[in-house]
């Protein structure tokens, strides 16, 4: 099941980026049709990144809480590691947002 989910996310991201390639082949960069496809592909890419980021963050928090429940003495170290991990996960979603803006405006 986990492998099927990973394959599904990968295929969905390829499809989202392929629509941008089709838009570039459809006409010149200033046409409304190209901008429409750029917006659609960027929306799909951002939705996939946000969903994957939210899933990863929920798993991270659940694992940190489980670790703290098993060993309360290590709660401080686990909390710091969790916050660093959550910041890195969230930065990936922000990078996707920046790339989507570049695709739309470029």
PDB file of N, CA and C in Angstrom:
ATOM      1  N   UNK A   1       0.824  -1.186   0.000  1.00  0.00           N
ATOM      2  CA  UNK A   1       0.000   0.000   0.000  1.00  0.00           C
ATOM      3  C   UNK A   1       0.867   1.246   0.000  1.00  0.00           C
ATOM      4  N   UNK A   2       1.943   1.215   0.794  1.00  0.00           N
ATOM      5  CA  UNK A   2       2.821   2.373   0.870  1.00  0.00           C
ATOM      6  C   UNK A   2       3.505   2.617  -0.481  1.00  0.00           C
ATOM      7  N   UNK A   3       3.925   1.538  -1.132  1.00  0.00           N
ATOM      8  CA  UNK A   3       4.581   1.659  -2.429  1.00  0.00           C
ATOM      9  C   UNK A   3       3.609   2.217  -3.468  1.00  0.00           C
ATOM     10  N   UNK A   4       2.360   1.805  -3.399  1.00  0.00           N
ATOM     11  CA  UNK A   4       1.353   2.311  -4.333  1.00  0.00           C
ATOM     12  C   UNK A   4       1.130   3.805  -4.142  1.00  0.00           C
ATOM     13  N   UNK A   5       1.158   4.265  -2.903  1.00  0.00           N
ATOM     14  CA  UNK A   5       1.006   5.696  -2.630  1.00  0.00           C
ATOM     15  C   UNK A   5       2.174   6.501  -3.173  1.00  0.00           C
ATOM     16  N   UNK A   6       3.384   5.984  -3.016  1.00  0.00           N
ATOM     17  CA  UNK A   6       4.564   6.673  -3.523  1.00  0.00           C
ATOM     18  C   UNK A   6       4.528   6.740  -5.042  1.00  0.00           C
ATOM     19  N   UNK A   7       4.145   5.646  -5.667  1.00  0.00           N
ATOM     20  CA  UNK A   7       4.040   5.629  -7.126  1.00  0.00           C
ATOM     21  C   UNK A   7       2.952   6.595  -7.592  1.00  0.00           C
ATOM     22  N   UNK A   8       1.844   6.652  -6.867  1.00  0.00           N
ATOM     23  CA  UNK A   8       0.758   7.567  -7.223  1.00  0.00           C
ATOM     24  C   UNK A   8       1.181   9.017  -7.130  1.00  0.00           C
ATOM     25  N   UNK A   9       1.877   9.388  -6.039  1.00  0.00           N
ATOM     26  CA  UNK A   9       2.364  10.766  -5.904  1.00  0.00           C
ATOM     27  C   UNK A   9       3.362  11.103  -7.002  1.00  0.00           C
ATOM     28  N   UNK A  10       4.226  10.158  -7.355  1.00  0.00           N
ATOM     29  CA  UNK A  10       5.216  10.404  -8.400  1.00  0.00           C
ATOM     30  C   UNK A  10       4.546  10.610  -9.741  1.00  0.00           C
ATOM     31  N   UNK A  11       3.597   9.756 -10.076  1.00  0.00           N
ATOM     32  CA  UNK A  11       2.896   9.901 -11.349  1.00  0.00           C
ATOM     33  C   UNK A  11       2.092  11.197 -11.408  1.00  0.00           C
ATOM     34  N   UNK A  12       1.456  11.554 -10.303  1.00  0.00           N
ATOM     35  CA  UNK A  12       0.680  12.793 -10.282  1.00  0.00           C
ATOM     36  C   UNK A  12       1.580  14.004 -10.464  1.00  0.00           C
ATOM     37  N   UNK A  13       2.774  13.988  -9.880  1.00  0.00           N
ATOM     38  CA  UNK A  13       3.677  15.126 -10.054  1.00  0.00           C
ATOM     39  C   UNK A  13       4.196  15.198 -11.485  1.00  0.00           C
ATOM     40  N   UNK A  14       4.449  14.036 -12.120  1.00  0.00           N
ATOM     41  CA  UNK A  14       4.863  14.049 -13.516  1.00  0.00           C
ATOM     42  C   UNK A  14       3.754  14.592 -14.421  1.00  0.00           C
ATOM     43  N   UNK A  15       2.526  14.203 -14.152  1.00  0.00           N
ATOM     44  CA  UNK A  15       1.401  14.698 -14.941  1.00  0.00           C
ATOM     45  C   UNK A  15       1.236  16.200 -14.758  1.00  0.00           C
ATOM     46  N   UNK A  16       1.414  16.672 -13.514  1.00  0.00           N
ATOM     47  CA  UNK A  16       1.276  18.103 -13.248  1.00  0.00           C
ATOM     48  C   UNK A  16       2.346  18.902 -13.982  1.00  0.00           C
ATOM     49  N   UNK A  17       3.548  18.391 -14.037  1.00  0.00           N
ATOM     50  CA  UNK A  17       4.605  19.115 -14.737  1.00  0.00           C
ATOM     51  C   UNK A  17       4.505  18.934 -16.252  1.00  0.00           C
ATOM     52  N   UNK A  18       3.936  17.841 -16.714  1.00  0.00           N
ATOM     53  CA  UNK A  18       3.797  17.624 -18.148  1.00  0.00           C
ATOM     54  C   UNK A  18       2.816  18.609 -18.771  1.00  0.00           C
ATOM     55  N   UNK A  19       1.808  19.031 -18.011  1.00  0.00           N
ATOM     56  CA  UNK A  19       0.868  19.999 -18.573  1.00  0.00           C
ATOM     57  C   UNK A  19       1.565  21.312 -18.886  1.00  0.00           C
ATOM     58  N   UNK A  20       2.583  21.666 -18.131  1.00  0.00           N
ATOM     59  CA  UNK A  20       3.356  22.870 -18.427  1.00  0.00           C
ATOM     60  C   UNK A  20       4.129  22.690 -19.727  1.00  0.00           C
ATOM     61  N   UNK A  21       4.665  21.508 -19.969  1.00  0.00           N
ATOM     62  CA  UNK A  21       5.384  21.254 -21.209  1.00  0.00           C
ATOM     63  C   UNK A  21       4.436  21.308 -22.402  1.00  0.00           C
ATOM     64  N   UNK A  22       3.237  20.770 -22.243  1.00  0.00           N
ATOM     65  CA  UNK A  22       2.256  20.852 -23.324  1.00  0.00           C
ATOM     66  C   UNK A  22       1.847  22.296 -23.588  1.00  0.00           C
ATOM     67  N   UNK A  23       1.780  23.084 -22.537  1.00  0.00           N
ATOM     68  CA  UNK A  23       1.405  24.489 -22.694  1.00  0.00           C
ATOM     69  C   UNK A  23       2.482  25.237 -23.448  1.00  0.00           C
ATOM     70  N   UNK A  24       3.743  24.920 -23.198  1.00  0.00           N
ATOM     71  CA  UNK A  24       4.828  25.602 -23.895  1.00  0.00           C
ATOM     72  C   UNK A  24       4.817  25.246 -25.378  1.00  0.00           C
ATOM     73  N   UNK A  25       4.405  24.035 -25.716  1.00  0.00           N
ATOM     74  CA  UNK A  25       4.357  23.629 -27.113  1.00  0.00           C
ATOM     75  C   UNK A  25       3.102  24.142 -27.813  1.00  0.00           C
ATOM     76  N   UNK A  26       2.119  24.587 -27.055  1.00  0.00           N
ATOM     77  CA  UNK A  26       0.849  24.997 -27.649  1.00  0.00           C
ATOM     78  C   UNK A  26       0.929  26.335 -28.363  1.00  0.00           C
ATOM     79  N   UNK A  27       1.798  27.210 -27.939  1.00  0.00           N
ATOM     80  CA  UNK A  27       1.860  28.516 -28.591  1.00  0.00           C
ATOM     81  C   UNK A  27       2.923  29.388 -27.982  1.00  0.00           C
ATOM     82  N   UNK A  28       2.846  30.676 -28.309  1.00  0.00           N
ATOM     83  CA  UNK A  28       3.860  31.588 -27.782  1.00  0.00           C
ATOM     84  C   UNK A  28       3.624  31.845 -26.305  1.00  0.00           C
ATOM     85  N   UNK A  29       4.629  32.431 -25.642  1.00  0.00           N
ATOM     86  CA  UNK A  29       4.594  32.582 -24.195  1.00  0.00           C
ATOM     87  C   UNK A  29       3.574  33.611 -23.723  1.00  0.00           C
ATOM     88  N   UNK A  30       3.070  34.445 -24.604  1.00  0.00           N
ATOM     89  CA  UNK A  30       2.164  35.493 -24.181  1.00  0.00           C
ATOM     90  C   UNK A  30       0.695  35.146 -24.325  1.00  0.00           C
ATOM     91  N   UNK A  31       0.378  33.992 -24.860  1.00  0.00           N
ATOM     92  CA  UNK A  31      -1.028  33.680 -25.105  1.00  0.00           C
ATOM     93  C   UNK A  31      -1.741  33.295 -23.814  1.00  0.00           C
ATOM     94  N   UNK A  32      -3.051  33.493 -23.799  1.00  0.00           N
ATOM     95  CA  UNK A  32      -3.845  33.171 -22.625  1.00  0.00           C
ATOM     96  C   UNK A  32      -3.944  31.683 -22.364  1.00  0.00           C
ATOM     97  N   UNK A  33      -3.881  30.890 -23.421  1.00  0.00           N
ATOM     98  CA  UNK A  33      -3.969  29.435 -23.280  1.00  0.00           C
ATOM     99  C   UNK A  33      -2.757  28.887 -22.521  1.00  0.00           C
ATOM    100  N   UNK A  34      -1.585  29.413 -22.820  1.00  0.00           N
ATOM    101  CA  UNK A  34      -0.372  28.971 -22.137  1.00  0.00           C
ATOM    102  C   UNK A  34      -0.435  29.346 -20.662  1.00  0.00           C
ATOM    103  N   UNK A  35      -0.879  30.565 -20.374  1.00  0.00           N
ATOM    104  CA  UNK A  35      -0.985  30.997 -18.978  1.00  0.00           C
ATOM    105  C   UNK A  35      -1.981  30.127 -18.217  1.00  0.00           C
ATOM    106  N   UNK A  36      -3.072  29.756 -18.879  1.00  0.00           N
ATOM    107  CA  UNK A  36      -4.065  28.897 -18.229  1.00  0.00           C
ATOM    108  C   UNK A  36      -3.448  27.551 -17.856  1.00  0.00           C
ATOM    109  N   UNK A  37      -2.702  26.934 -18.775  1.00  0.00           N
ATOM    110  CA  UNK A  37      -2.094  25.636 -18.488  1.00  0.00           C
ATOM    111  C   UNK A  37      -0.986  25.751 -17.464  1.00  0.00           C
ATOM    112  N   UNK A  38      -0.267  26.874 -17.468  1.00  0.00           N
ATOM    113  CA  UNK A  38       0.746  27.079 -16.443  1.00  0.00           C
ATOM    114  C   UNK A  38       0.111  27.164 -15.065  1.00  0.00           C
ATOM    115  N   UNK A  39      -0.999  27.858 -14.971  1.00  0.00           N
ATOM    116  CA  UNK A  39      -1.682  27.976 -13.688  1.00  0.00           C
ATOM    117  C   UNK A  39      -2.232  26.631 -13.218  1.00  0.00           C
ATOM    118  N   UNK A  40      -2.767  25.849 -14.156  1.00  0.00           N
ATOM    119  CA  UNK A  40      -3.314  24.532 -13.797  1.00  0.00           C
ATOM    120  C   UNK A  40      -2.202  23.604 -13.323  1.00  0.00           C
ATOM    121  N   UNK A  41      -1.079  23.557 -14.055  1.00  0.00           N
ATOM    122  CA  UNK A  41       0.013  22.661 -13.662  1.00  0.00           C
ATOM    123  C   UNK A  41       0.637  23.100 -12.338  1.00  0.00           C
ATOM    124  N   UNK A  42       0.753  24.408 -12.144  1.00  0.00           N
ATOM    125  CA  UNK A  42       1.295  24.899 -10.874  1.00  0.00           C
ATOM    126  C   UNK A  42       0.362  24.579  -9.714  1.00  0.00           C
ATOM    127  N   UNK A  43      -0.936  24.674  -9.948  1.00  0.00           N
ATOM    128  CA  UNK A  43      -1.905  24.355  -8.899  1.00  0.00           C
ATOM    129  C   UNK A  43      -1.819  22.886  -8.504  1.00  0.00           C
ATOM    130  N   UNK A  44      -1.712  22.003  -9.490  1.00  0.00           N
ATOM    131  CA  UNK A  44      -1.575  20.583  -9.189  1.00  0.00           C
ATOM    132  C   UNK A  44      -0.280  20.302  -8.424  1.00  0.00           C
ATOM    133  N   UNK A  45       0.823  20.903  -8.863  1.00  0.00           N
ATOM    134  CA  UNK A  45       2.100  20.664  -8.195  1.00  0.00           C
ATOM    135  C   UNK A  45       2.057  21.156  -6.751  1.00  0.00           C
ATOM    136  N   UNK A  46       1.467  22.324  -6.530  1.00  0.00           N
ATOM    137  CA  UNK A  46       1.393  22.863  -5.176  1.00  0.00           C
ATOM    138  C   UNK A  46       0.456  22.031  -4.298  1.00  0.00           C
ATOM    139  N   UNK A  47      -0.637  21.548  -4.860  1.00  0.00           N
ATOM    140  CA  UNK A  47      -1.561  20.709  -4.095  1.00  0.00           C
ATOM    141  C   UNK A  47      -0.896  19.398  -3.682  1.00  0.00           C
ATOM    142  N   UNK A  48      -0.144  18.803  -4.582  1.00  0.00           N
ATOM    143  CA  UNK A  48       0.551  17.554  -4.266  1.00  0.00           C
ATOM    144  C   UNK A  48       1.607  17.795  -3.195  1.00  0.00           C
ATOM    145  N   UNK A  49       2.360  18.892  -3.332  1.00  0.00           N
ATOM    146  CA  UNK A  49       3.394  19.197  -2.341  1.00  0.00           C
ATOM    147  C   UNK A  49       2.789  19.481  -0.970  1.00  0.00           C
ATOM    148  N   UNK A  50       1.682  20.216  -0.941  1.00  0.00           N
ATOM    149  CA  UNK A  50       1.045  20.524   0.343  1.00  0.00           C
ATOM    150  C   UNK A  50       0.482  19.266   1.001  1.00  0.00           C
ATOM    151  N   UNK A  51      -0.123  18.392   0.201  1.00  0.00           N
ATOM    152  CA  UNK A  51      -0.674  17.153   0.755  1.00  0.00           C
ATOM    153  C   UNK A  51       0.438  16.251   1.282  1.00  0.00           C
ATOM    154  N   UNK A  52       1.512  16.114   0.522  1.00  0.00           N
ATOM    155  CA  UNK A  52       2.621  15.280   0.962  1.00  0.00           C
ATOM    156  C   UNK A  52       3.304  15.880   2.194  1.00  0.00           C
ATOM    157  N   UNK A  53       3.430  17.207   2.226  1.00  0.00           N
ATOM    158  CA  UNK A  53       4.028  17.863   3.387  1.00  0.00           C
ATOM    159  C   UNK A  53       3.184  17.698   4.638  1.00  0.00           C
ATOM    160  N   UNK A  54       1.870  17.830   4.487  1.00  0.00           N
ATOM    161  CA  UNK A  54       0.976  17.656   5.637  1.00  0.00           C
ATOM    162  C   UNK A  54       1.025  16.221   6.150  1.00  0.00           C
ATOM    163  N   UNK A  55       1.076  15.262   5.230  1.00  0.00           N
ATOM    164  CA  UNK A  55       1.175  13.863   5.640  1.00  0.00           C
ATOM    165  C   UNK A  55       2.488  13.609   6.372  1.00  0.00           C
ATOM    166  N   UNK A  56       3.581  14.134   5.845  1.00  0.00           N
ATOM    167  CA  UNK A  56       4.886  13.933   6.479  1.00  0.00           C
ATOM    168  C   UNK A  56       4.940  14.608   7.846  1.00  0.00           C
ATOM    169  N   UNK A  57       4.341  15.785   7.967  1.00  0.00           N
ATOM    170  CA  UNK A  57       4.339  16.469   9.253  1.00  0.00           C
ATOM    171  C   UNK A  57       3.502  15.708  10.281  1.00  0.00           C
ATOM    172  N   UNK A  58       2.391  15.168   9.862  1.00  0.00           N
ATOM    173  CA  UNK A  58       1.564  14.419  10.806  1.00  0.00           C
ATOM    174  C   UNK A  58       2.279  13.159  11.283  1.00  0.00           C
ATOM    175  N   UNK A  59       2.975  12.489  10.379  1.00  0.00           N
ATOM    176  CA  UNK A  59       3.744  11.304  10.775  1.00  0.00           C
ATOM    177  C   UNK A  59       4.885  11.677  11.720  1.00  0.00           C
ATOM    178  N   UNK A  60       5.511  12.816  11.457  1.00  0.00           N
ATOM    179  CA  UNK A  60       6.610  13.267  12.303  1.00  0.00           C
ATOM    180  C   UNK A  60       6.128  13.586  13.716  1.00  0.00           C
ATOM    181  N   UNK A  61       5.021  14.289  13.808  1.00  0.00           N
ATOM    182  CA  UNK A  61       4.482  14.638  15.123  1.00  0.00           C
ATOM    183  C   UNK A  61       4.035  13.389  15.874  1.00  0.00           C
ATOM    184  N   UNK A  62       3.385  12.469  15.170  1.00  0.00           N
ATOM    185  CA  UNK A  62       2.935  11.234  15.817  1.00  0.00           C
ATOM    186  C   UNK A  62       4.125  10.425  16.332  1.00  0.00           C
ATOM    187  N   UNK A  63       5.179  10.349  15.547  1.00  0.00           N
ATOM    188  CA  UNK A  63       6.366   9.602  15.991  1.00  0.00           C
ATOM    189  C   UNK A  63       7.045  10.280  17.176  1.00  0.00           C
ATOM    190  N   UNK A  64       7.085  11.619  17.158  1.00  0.00           N
ATOM    191  CA  UNK A  64       7.703  12.338  18.279  1.00  0.00           C
ATOM    192  C   UNK A  64       6.893  12.142  19.558  1.00  0.00           C
ATOM    193  N   UNK A  65       5.585  12.189  19.453  1.00  0.00           N
ATOM    194  CA  UNK A  65       4.755  11.968  20.635  1.00  0.00           C
ATOM    195  C   UNK A  65       4.884  10.537  21.148  1.00  0.00           C
ATOM    196  N   UNK A  66       4.988   9.592  20.234  1.00  0.00           N
ATOM    197  CA  UNK A  66       5.167   8.202  20.633  1.00  0.00           C
ATOM    198  C   UNK A  66       6.513   8.019  21.343  1.00  0.00           C
ATOM    199  N   UNK A  67       7.550   8.648  20.802  1.00  0.00           N
ATOM    200  CA  UNK A  67       8.860   8.552  21.437  1.00  0.00           C
ATOM    201  C   UNK A  67       8.889   9.208  22.808  1.00  0.00           C
ATOM    202  N   UNK A  68       8.195  10.340  22.943  1.00  0.00           N
ATOM    203  CA  UNK A  68       8.141  11.014  24.238  1.00  0.00           C
ATOM    204  C   UNK A  68       7.344  10.196  25.243  1.00  0.00           C
ATOM    205  N   UNK A  69       6.288   9.545  24.787  1.00  0.00           N
ATOM    206  CA  UNK A  69       5.492   8.707  25.692  1.00  0.00           C
ATOM    207  C   UNK A  69       6.290   7.499  26.174  1.00  0.00           C
ATOM    208  N   UNK A  70       7.137   6.958  25.318  1.00  0.00           N
ATOM    209  CA  UNK A  70       7.940   5.798  25.712  1.00  0.00           C
ATOM    210  C   UNK A  70       9.100   6.180  26.631  1.00  0.00           C
ATOM    211  N   UNK A  71       9.669   7.382  26.390  1.00  0.00           N
ATOM    212  CA  UNK A  71      10.813   7.818  27.192  1.00  0.00           C
ATOM    213  C   UNK A  71      10.649   9.313  27.501  1.00  0.00           C
ATOM    214  N   UNK A  72       9.948   9.652  28.578  1.00  0.00           N
ATOM    215  CA  UNK A  72       9.697  11.070  28.880  1.00  0.00           C
ATOM    216  C   UNK A  72      10.965  11.874  29.152  1.00  0.00           C
ATOM    217  N   UNK A  73      12.023  11.229  29.553  1.00  0.00           N
ATOM    218  CA  UNK A  73      13.273  11.933  29.824  1.00  0.00           C
ATOM    219  C   UNK A  73      13.917  12.511  28.578  1.00  0.00           C
ATOM    220  N   UNK A  74      13.633  11.910  27.435  1.00  0.00           N
ATOM    221  CA  UNK A  74      14.217  12.379  26.175  1.00  0.00           C
ATOM    222  C   UNK A  74      13.289  13.336  25.441  1.00  0.00           C
ATOM    223  N   UNK A  75      12.249  13.815  26.120  1.00  0.00           N
ATOM    224  CA  UNK A  75      11.261  14.679  25.469  1.00  0.00           C
ATOM    225  C   UNK A  75      11.842  15.953  24.888  1.00  0.00           C
ATOM    226  N   UNK A  76      12.791  16.567  25.595  1.00  0.00           N
ATOM    227  CA  UNK A  76      13.394  17.813  25.102  1.00  0.00           C
ATOM    228  C   UNK A  76      14.175  17.617  23.816  1.00  0.00           C
ATOM    229  N   UNK A  77      14.987  16.564  23.781  1.00  0.00           N
ATOM    230  CA  UNK A  77      15.771  16.281  22.575  1.00  0.00           C
ATOM    231  C   UNK A  77      14.862  15.905  21.402  1.00  0.00           C
ATOM    232  N   UNK A  78      13.838  15.129  21.694  1.00  0.00           N
ATOM    233  CA  UNK A  78      12.908  14.731  20.638  1.00  0.00           C
ATOM    234  C   UNK A  78      12.172  15.950  20.095  1.00  0.00           C
ATOM    235  N   UNK A  79      11.783  16.861  20.992  1.00  0.00           N
ATOM    236  CA  UNK A  79      11.056  18.062  20.572  1.00  0.00           C
ATOM    237  C   UNK A  79      11.909  18.925  19.645  1.00  0.00           C
ATOM    238  N   UNK A  80      13.178  19.106  19.995  1.00  0.00           N
ATOM    239  CA  UNK A  80      14.068  19.918  19.154  1.00  0.00           C
ATOM    240  C   UNK A  80      14.256  19.275  17.792  1.00  0.00           C
ATOM    241  N   UNK A  81      14.477  17.974  17.765  1.00  0.00           N
ATOM    242  CA  UNK A  81      14.633  17.272  16.488  1.00  0.00           C
ATOM    243  C   UNK A  81      13.361  17.345  15.660  1.00  0.00           C
ATOM    244  N   UNK A  82      12.198  17.253  16.319  1.00  0.00           N
ATOM    245  CA  UNK A  82      10.929  17.318  15.595  1.00  0.00           C
ATOM    246  C   UNK A  82      10.733  18.702  14.981  1.00  0.00           C
ATOM    247  N   UNK A  83      11.044  19.751  15.718  1.00  0.00           N
ATOM    248  CA  UNK A  83      10.849  21.103  15.195  1.00  0.00           C
ATOM    249  C   UNK A  83      11.770  21.358  14.006  1.00  0.00           C
ATOM    250  N   UNK A  84      12.998  20.884  14.070  1.00  0.00           N
ATOM    251  CA  UNK A  84      13.914  21.028  12.935  1.00  0.00           C
ATOM    252  C   UNK A  84      13.385  20.255  11.730  1.00  0.00           C
ATOM    253  N   UNK A  85      12.907  19.038  11.963  1.00  0.00           N
ATOM    254  CA  UNK A  85      12.337  18.243  10.870  1.00  0.00           C
ATOM    255  C   UNK A  85      11.104  18.889  10.265  1.00  0.00           C
ATOM    256  N   UNK A  86      10.224  19.445  11.108  1.00  0.00           N
ATOM    257  CA  UNK A  86       9.028  20.117  10.589  1.00  0.00           C
ATOM    258  C   UNK A  86       9.402  21.343   9.767  1.00  0.00           C
ATOM    259  N   UNK A  87      10.437  22.069  10.191  1.00  0.00           N
ATOM    260  CA  UNK A  87      10.871  23.238   9.419  1.00  0.00           C
ATOM    261  C   UNK A  87      11.408  22.825   8.053  1.00  0.00           C
ATOM    262  N   UNK A  88      12.140  21.720   8.002  1.00  0.00           N
ATOM    263  CA  UNK A  88      12.660  21.245   6.719  1.00  0.00           C
ATOM    264  C   UNK A  88      11.538  20.754   5.806  1.00  0.00           C
ATOM    265  N   UNK A  89      10.554  20.076   6.376  1.00  0.00           N
ATOM    266  CA  UNK A  89       9.417  19.610   5.578  1.00  0.00           C
ATOM    267  C   UNK A  89       8.647  20.798   5.021  1.00  0.00           C
ATOM    268  N   UNK A  90       8.410  21.797   5.857  1.00  0.00           N
ATOM    269  CA  UNK A  90       7.666  22.972   5.411  1.00  0.00           C
ATOM    270  C   UNK A  90       8.450  23.759   4.368  1.00  0.00           C
ATOM    271  N   UNK A  91       9.777  23.758   4.469  1.00  0.00           N
ATOM    272  CA  UNK A  91      10.573  24.485   3.478  1.00  0.00           C
ATOM    273  C   UNK A  91      10.439  23.856   2.095  1.00  0.00           C
ATOM    274  N   UNK A  92      10.249  22.549   2.025  1.00  0.00           N
ATOM    275  CA  UNK A  92      10.041  21.910   0.725  1.00  0.00           C
ATOM    276  C   UNK A  92       8.749  22.390   0.063  1.00  0.00           C
ATOM    277  N   UNK A  93       7.708  22.588   0.856  1.00  0.00           N
ATOM    278  CA  UNK A  93       6.448  23.106   0.312  1.00  0.00           C
ATOM    279  C   UNK A  93       6.635  24.553  -0.139  1.00  0.00           C
ATOM    280  N   UNK A  94       7.391  25.328   0.614  1.00  0.00           N
ATOM    281  CA  UNK A  94       7.642  26.720   0.225  1.00  0.00           C
ATOM    282  C   UNK A  94       8.480  26.768  -1.050  1.00  0.00           C
ATOM    283  N   UNK A  95       9.459  25.877  -1.190  1.00  0.00           N
ATOM    284  CA  UNK A  95      10.238  25.828  -2.427  1.00  0.00           C
ATOM    285  C   UNK A  95       9.339  25.496  -3.619  1.00  0.00           C
ATOM    286  N   UNK A  96       8.402  24.593  -3.432  1.00  0.00           N
ATOM    287  CA  UNK A  96       7.462  24.264  -4.498  1.00  0.00           C
ATOM    288  C   UNK A  96       6.622  25.478  -4.861  1.00  0.00           C
ATOM    289  N   UNK A  97       6.200  26.237  -3.854  1.00  0.00           N
ATOM    290  CA  UNK A  97       5.429  27.450  -4.111  1.00  0.00           C
ATOM    291  C   UNK A  97       6.240  28.459  -4.925  1.00  0.00           C
ATOM    292  N   UNK A  98       7.509  28.627  -4.600  1.00  0.00           N
ATOM    293  CA  UNK A  98       8.370  29.553  -5.340  1.00  0.00           C
ATOM    294  C   UNK A  98       8.555  29.083  -6.790  1.00  0.00           C
ATOM    295  N   UNK A  99       8.744  27.778  -6.981  1.00  0.00           N
ATOM    296  CA  UNK A  99       8.894  27.241  -8.333  1.00  0.00           C
ATOM    297  C   UNK A  99       7.605  27.436  -9.117  1.00  0.00           C
ATOM    298  N   UNK A 100       6.463  27.253  -8.462  1.00  0.00           N
ATOM    299  CA  UNK A 100       5.183  27.467  -9.139  1.00  0.00           C
ATOM    300  C   UNK A 100       5.016  28.930  -9.554  1.00  0.00           C
ATOM    301  N   UNK A 101       5.455  29.857  -8.719  1.00  0.00           N
ATOM    302  CA  UNK A 101       5.403  31.270  -9.097  1.00  0.00           C
ATOM    303  C   UNK A 101       6.307  31.550 -10.287  1.00  0.00           C
ATOM    304  N   UNK A 102       7.474  30.932 -10.314  1.00  0.00           N
ATOM    305  CA  UNK A 102       8.394  31.106 -11.447  1.00  0.00           C
ATOM    306  C   UNK A 102       7.758  30.558 -12.717  1.00  0.00           C
ATOM    307  N   UNK A 103       7.088  29.409 -12.616  1.00  0.00           N
ATOM    308  CA  UNK A 103       6.429  28.823 -13.797  1.00  0.00           C
ATOM    309  C   UNK A 103       5.319  29.745 -14.294  1.00  0.00           C
ATOM    310  N   UNK A 104       4.528  30.282 -13.391  1.00  0.00           N
ATOM    311  CA  UNK A 104       3.407  31.130 -13.808  1.00  0.00           C
ATOM    312  C   UNK A 104       3.918  32.444 -14.406  1.00  0.00           C
ATOM    313  N   UNK A 105       4.903  33.048 -13.777  1.00  0.00           N
ATOM    314  CA  UNK A 105       5.359  34.360 -14.216  1.00  0.00           C
ATOM    315  C   UNK A 105       6.389  34.285 -15.339  1.00  0.00           C
ATOM    316  N   UNK A 106       7.000  33.108 -15.526  1.00  0.00           N
ATOM    317  CA  UNK A 106       8.087  32.990 -16.498  1.00  0.00           C
ATOM    318  C   UNK A 106       7.678  32.694 -17.847  1.00  0.00           C
TER     319      UNK A 106
END
